[in-house]
Amino acid sequence: MIDANDNFTMDAFTEAPRRKGRPPTGKAMTPSARKAAQRRRDFMALCTDLGAIDFHGASITSLLEYLPKAIAAGRVLAVEAIAAELILRATHNSDNHA
């Protein structure tokens, strides 16, 4: 028999109370997988339209990964733009360390 005043004993046929916080989705990524996905997105942004690329938002790693691919594909404008961005960042870093 169920005691109406009993608030502590769990009933075997009712659901357990919901846990606090955001429910898990099952799609959690490790930090390395998340970083690889970010590099993949950056690379795809570089591949699509060179005129609409914001090189300031791209990581140095993605620029360096795309540079040999652009050279091999003969994309001269992409190589020039990436080289200019890398030179800009290098001069900016040398100004900060001087």
Protein backbone atom coordinates (compact mmCIF):
# COMPACT_ATOMS: atom_id res chain seq x y z
CA MET A 1 0.00 0.00 0.00
CA ILE A 2 1.26 3.52 -0.82
CA ASP A 3 1.46 5.99 2.01
CA ALA A 4 0.32 9.42 0.78
CA ASN A 5 2.59 11.16 3.32
CA ASP A 6 5.75 9.24 2.33
CA ASN A 7 7.93 11.61 0.26
CA PHE A 8 11.21 9.70 0.52
CA THR A 9 10.58 6.18 -0.76
CA MET A 10 10.88 5.81 -4.53
CA ASP A 11 8.06 4.08 -6.33
CA ALA A 12 9.22 1.32 -8.69
CA PHE A 13 6.70 2.29 -11.37
CA THR A 14 7.21 6.03 -11.61
CA GLU A 15 10.00 7.81 -13.44
CA ALA A 16 13.04 9.08 -11.62
CA PRO A 17 13.05 12.84 -11.11
CA ARG A 18 14.71 14.78 -13.92
CA ARG A 19 18.27 15.90 -13.41
CA LYS A 20 19.19 19.56 -13.29
CA GLY A 21 20.94 21.28 -16.15
CA ARG A 22 20.94 20.93 -19.88
CA PRO A 23 20.03 17.46 -21.15
CA PRO A 24 22.81 15.60 -22.96
CA THR A 25 22.49 15.43 -26.75
CA GLY A 26 24.91 12.58 -27.34
CA LYS A 27 26.85 14.71 -29.83
CA ALA A 28 29.65 15.91 -27.54
CA MET A 29 33.02 16.45 -29.22
CA THR A 30 36.49 16.22 -27.77
CA PRO A 31 38.52 19.44 -27.82
CA SER A 32 40.71 18.08 -30.63
CA ALA A 33 37.67 17.14 -32.72
CA ARG A 34 36.16 20.58 -32.13
CA LYS A 35 39.41 22.26 -33.24
CA ALA A 36 39.63 20.04 -36.33
CA ALA A 37 36.07 21.02 -37.23
CA GLN A 38 36.98 24.70 -36.83
CA ARG A 39 40.00 24.27 -39.11
CA ARG A 40 37.81 22.47 -41.65
CA ARG A 41 35.28 25.35 -41.57
CA ASP A 42 38.08 27.91 -41.96
CA PHE A 43 39.52 25.96 -44.89
CA MET A 44 36.12 25.70 -46.59
CA ALA A 45 35.67 29.46 -46.17
CA LEU A 46 38.99 29.97 -47.93
CA CYS A 47 38.05 27.57 -50.72
CA THR A 48 34.67 29.05 -51.62
CA ASP A 49 35.01 32.73 -52.49
CA LEU A 50 38.29 34.57 -52.19
CA GLY A 51 36.68 38.00 -52.48
CA ALA A 52 34.38 37.43 -49.50
CA ILE A 53 37.03 36.01 -47.18
CA ASP A 54 37.78 37.72 -43.92
CA PHE A 55 41.41 36.73 -43.42
CA HIS A 56 41.51 38.52 -40.07
CA GLY A 57 39.05 35.94 -38.70
CA ALA A 58 40.93 32.90 -40.03
CA SER A 59 43.46 31.23 -37.78
CA ILE A 60 47.14 31.22 -38.73
CA THR A 61 47.01 27.43 -38.83
CA SER A 62 44.23 27.41 -41.41
CA LEU A 63 46.10 29.98 -43.52
CA LEU A 64 49.28 27.90 -43.39
CA GLU A 65 47.37 24.71 -44.21
CA TYR A 66 45.67 26.29 -47.22
CA LEU A 67 48.77 28.00 -48.64
CA PRO A 68 50.45 24.89 -50.19
CA LYS A 69 47.08 23.73 -51.54
CA ALA A 70 46.55 27.11 -53.20
CA ILE A 71 50.06 26.98 -54.67
CA ALA A 72 49.48 23.47 -56.03
CA ALA A 73 46.14 24.52 -57.55
CA GLY A 74 47.71 27.59 -59.16
CA ARG A 75 45.46 30.06 -57.32
CA VAL A 76 47.78 33.05 -57.54
CA LEU A 77 45.32 35.53 -56.04
CA ALA A 78 44.73 33.27 -53.05
CA VAL A 79 48.49 32.87 -52.51
CA GLU A 80 49.02 36.63 -52.71
CA ALA A 81 46.18 37.35 -50.28
CA ILE A 82 47.32 34.73 -47.76
CA ALA A 83 50.93 35.88 -47.99
CA ALA A 84 49.87 39.49 -47.45
CA GLU A 85 47.84 38.52 -44.38
CA LEU A 86 50.70 36.48 -42.92
CA ILE A 87 53.14 39.37 -43.51
CA LEU A 88 50.70 41.77 -41.86
CA ARG A 89 50.41 39.53 -38.80
CA ALA A 90 54.18 39.02 -38.62
CA THR A 91 54.87 42.76 -38.73
CA HIS A 92 52.16 43.35 -36.15
CA ASN A 93 53.75 40.76 -33.84
CA SER A 94 57.25 42.18 -34.37
CA ASP A 95 55.99 45.68 -33.50
CA ASN A 96 54.51 44.34 -30.25
CA HIS A 97 57.74 42.55 -29.25
CA ALA A 98 60.14 45.37 -30.13
